[in-house]
Amino acid sequence: VPMLITGESGTGKELLARAIHRASPRKGHPFTAINMASLNGNLFDAEFFGHTRGAYTGAEKDRAGYLEYTVKGTLFLDEIGLLPMEVQGKLLRFMQDGRYLKLGTSADTHADVRFVAATNTDLEARMKQRLFRKDLYYRIRGGWLHLPPLRGRKKDIPLLIRTFLSAHYDLDKGHFI
């Protein structure tokens, strides 16, 4: 089931996505984070689906795309609300049937990936402006979590400090790792 995480910038959406991945049966497989706002039409196809040698000028060797790289893992679609409209249909089509065409091939490829998407934009407003597809919205919102800003979660601050310190500082030895 795809998951949508909403919240302001800096609320920890990617940290939550990584936690969801680590707590899932997919934890032994790749977690790939993609900034969707940076993917326009041609770049989307090459980066997301991959390409074969000679698929376009400059494609000197075969290259796996995010889907192939992340098989059986979690694909984190950061800033999904800013994905250009021209490629939203391509993402939706893959999400519906799990099949895609690598650039330069004519044979369908299947990829089993879990999607976790995040945004700090109002997707309902973008749908009204015809900047985000309704069908894609309903596809990515299989599960939905909203992260309030840290200023509204002051009780979380000590826990977050301990978590970040333990990840980067050895409390027993008194130095950074």
Protein backbone atom coordinates (compact mmCIF):
# COMPACT_ATOMS: atom_id res chain seq x y z
CA VAL A 1 0.00 0.00 0.00
CA PRO A 2 1.48 3.38 -0.95
CA MET A 3 1.88 5.93 1.84
CA LEU A 4 1.62 9.73 1.72
CA ILE A 5 3.37 11.84 4.35
CA THR A 6 2.48 15.52 4.55
CA GLY A 7 3.94 18.33 6.63
CA GLU A 8 5.99 21.50 6.54
CA SER A 9 9.62 21.49 5.40
CA GLY A 10 11.87 20.18 8.14
CA THR A 11 9.27 18.11 9.99
CA GLY A 12 11.12 14.84 9.35
CA LYS A 13 9.14 13.36 6.47
CA GLU A 14 12.15 11.52 5.06
CA LEU A 15 13.13 10.26 8.53
CA LEU A 16 9.61 8.87 8.94
CA ALA A 17 9.77 7.28 5.47
CA ARG A 18 13.06 5.60 6.41
CA ALA A 19 11.53 4.37 9.68
CA ILE A 20 8.57 2.92 7.78
CA HIS A 21 11.01 1.12 5.48
CA ARG A 22 13.11 -0.23 8.40
CA ALA A 23 9.96 -1.53 10.13
CA SER A 24 8.66 -3.27 6.99
CA PRO A 25 9.38 -6.67 5.45
CA ARG A 26 11.33 -4.71 2.78
CA LYS A 27 13.98 -3.54 5.27
CA GLY A 28 16.70 -5.76 3.78
CA HIS A 29 16.26 -4.15 0.38
CA PRO A 30 17.15 -0.67 -0.94
CA PHE A 31 15.59 2.58 0.22
CA THR A 32 15.89 5.14 -2.58
CA ALA A 33 15.00 8.80 -2.08
CA ILE A 34 14.16 10.90 -5.15
CA ASN A 35 13.44 14.63 -5.33
CA MET A 36 10.51 14.51 -7.74
CA ALA A 37 10.54 18.28 -8.35
CA SER A 38 13.82 17.92 -10.24
CA LEU A 39 12.52 15.39 -12.79
CA ASN A 40 11.19 16.80 -16.06
CA GLY A 41 9.95 14.69 -18.99
CA ASN A 42 13.13 13.32 -20.57
CA LEU A 43 15.08 13.19 -17.33
CA PHE A 44 12.19 11.39 -15.60
CA ASP A 45 12.22 8.55 -18.14
CA ALA A 46 15.99 8.06 -18.03
CA GLU A 47 16.30 8.33 -14.24
CA PHE A 48 13.14 6.50 -13.22
CA PHE A 49 13.03 3.73 -15.82
CA GLY A 50 16.69 3.54 -16.85
CA HIS A 51 18.04 3.20 -20.39
CA THR A 52 20.02 0.98 -22.70
CA ARG A 53 23.17 1.86 -24.57
CA GLY A 54 22.29 3.99 -27.60
CA ALA A 55 18.78 4.84 -26.38
CA TYR A 56 19.58 8.53 -26.90
CA THR A 57 22.58 10.72 -27.69
CA GLY A 58 25.08 10.32 -24.87
CA ALA A 59 23.72 6.98 -23.60
CA GLU A 60 27.04 5.15 -23.89
CA LYS A 61 26.14 2.24 -21.61
CA ASP A 62 23.13 0.54 -20.05
CA ARG A 63 21.96 2.18 -16.86
CA ALA A 64 19.50 0.93 -14.26
CA GLY A 65 16.79 3.36 -13.25
CA TYR A 66 15.41 3.97 -9.78
CA LEU A 67 12.82 1.22 -10.26
CA GLU A 68 15.36 -1.45 -11.15
CA TYR A 69 17.74 -0.34 -8.42
CA THR A 70 15.01 -0.41 -5.77
CA VAL A 71 13.36 -3.77 -6.58
CA LYS A 72 11.71 -5.21 -3.45
CA GLY A 73 12.64 -2.03 -1.56
CA THR A 74 11.06 1.35 -0.88
CA LEU A 75 11.04 4.27 -3.30
CA PHE A 76 10.66 7.58 -1.44
CA LEU A 77 9.08 10.18 -3.71
CA ASP A 78 10.02 13.44 -2.01
CA GLU A 79 8.19 16.60 -3.07
CA ILE A 80 5.64 14.59 -5.06
CA GLY A 81 3.42 17.68 -5.24
CA LEU A 82 5.97 19.41 -7.47
CA LEU A 83 6.30 16.58 -9.99
CA PRO A 84 5.68 18.13 -13.41
CA MET A 85 2.23 17.32 -14.80
CA GLU A 86 3.80 15.97 -18.01
CA VAL A 87 5.22 12.92 -16.19
CA GLN A 88 2.56 12.27 -13.56
CA GLY A 89 0.74 9.91 -15.94
CA LYS A 90 3.89 7.82 -16.42
CA LEU A 91 4.28 7.40 -12.66
CA LEU A 92 0.58 6.57 -12.30
CA ARG A 93 0.72 3.97 -15.05
CA PHE A 94 3.63 2.20 -13.36
CA MET A 95 1.90 2.34 -9.97
CA GLN A 96 -1.20 0.71 -11.46
CA ASP A 97 0.43 -2.32 -13.03
CA GLY A 98 4.07 -2.42 -11.88
CA ARG A 99 5.33 -2.52 -15.47
CA TYR A 100 7.50 -0.09 -17.39
CA LEU A 101 9.62 0.31 -20.51
CA LYS A 102 13.30 1.00 -20.08
CA LEU A 103 14.37 3.59 -22.66
CA GLY A 104 15.70 1.86 -25.75
CA THR A 105 13.73 -1.37 -25.24
CA SER A 106 10.36 -2.65 -26.39
CA ALA A 107 9.88 -5.32 -23.72
CA ASP A 108 7.97 -4.57 -20.54
CA THR A 109 9.84 -4.94 -17.26
CA HIS A 110 8.19 -5.59 -13.91
CA ALA A 111 9.40 -4.05 -10.66
CA ASP A 112 8.09 -4.73 -7.18
CA VAL A 113 8.61 -1.55 -5.15
CA ARG A 114 6.80 0.15 -2.29
CA PHE A 115 6.05 3.84 -2.65
CA VAL A 116 6.22 6.35 0.16
CA ALA A 117 5.55 9.89 -1.06
CA ALA A 118 5.94 13.16 0.80
CA THR A 119 5.00 16.77 0.22
CA ASN A 120 4.81 20.10 1.94
CA THR A 121 2.41 21.42 -0.71
CA ASP A 122 -1.39 21.35 -0.57
CA LEU A 123 -2.19 18.61 -3.09
CA GLU A 124 -5.90 19.35 -3.04
CA ALA A 125 -5.22 22.97 -4.02
CA ARG A 126 -2.85 21.79 -6.77
CA MET A 127 -5.56 19.46 -8.08
CA LYS A 128 -8.01 22.37 -8.25
CA GLN A 129 -5.38 24.34 -10.18
CA ARG A 130 -4.97 21.32 -12.50
CA LEU A 131 -1.32 20.97 -11.49
CA PHE A 132 -1.71 17.54 -9.88
CA ARG A 133 -3.71 14.57 -11.14
CA LYS A 134 -6.60 13.39 -8.96
CA ASP A 135 -6.06 9.77 -9.94
CA LEU A 136 -2.39 9.96 -8.90
CA TYR A 137 -3.40 11.61 -5.62
CA TYR A 138 -5.79 8.78 -4.77
CA ARG A 139 -3.19 6.19 -5.80
CA ILE A 140 -0.42 7.57 -3.54
CA ARG A 141 -2.76 8.20 -0.62
CA GLY A 142 -3.26 4.54 0.25
CA GLY A 143 -2.18 5.46 3.78
CA TRP A 144 -1.75 9.02 5.01
CA LEU A 145 0.27 10.54 7.84
CA HIS A 146 0.54 14.24 8.65
CA LEU A 147 3.59 15.41 10.60
CA PRO A 148 2.96 18.57 12.60
CA PRO A 149 5.87 21.00 12.90
CA LEU A 150 8.33 20.49 15.76
CA ARG A 151 7.12 23.71 17.40
CA GLY A 152 3.90 21.79 18.08
CA ARG A 153 5.74 18.70 19.36
CA LYS A 154 7.99 20.13 22.06
CA LYS A 155 7.85 16.86 24.03
CA ASP A 156 9.64 15.17 21.12
CA ILE A 157 12.71 17.42 21.34
CA PRO A 158 14.61 15.46 24.09
CA LEU A 159 13.95 12.17 22.28
CA LEU A 160 15.15 13.62 18.97
CA ILE A 161 18.31 15.02 20.61
CA ARG A 162 19.11 11.62 22.15
CA THR A 163 18.44 9.88 18.83
CA PHE A 164 20.70 12.22 16.84
CA LEU A 165 23.43 12.13 19.48
CA SER A 166 23.42 8.36 19.69
CA ALA A 167 23.74 8.15 15.91
CA HIS A 168 26.75 10.50 15.81
CA TYR A 169 28.29 10.55 19.29
CA ASP A 170 29.62 7.72 21.44
CA LEU A 171 28.34 8.65 24.91
CA ASP A 172 30.53 6.03 26.62
CA LYS A 173 33.78 7.21 25.00
CA GLY A 174 32.82 10.89 24.85
CA HIS A 175 33.59 11.56 21.18
CA PHE A 176 31.92 11.84 17.80
CA ILE A 177 31.72 8.70 15.71
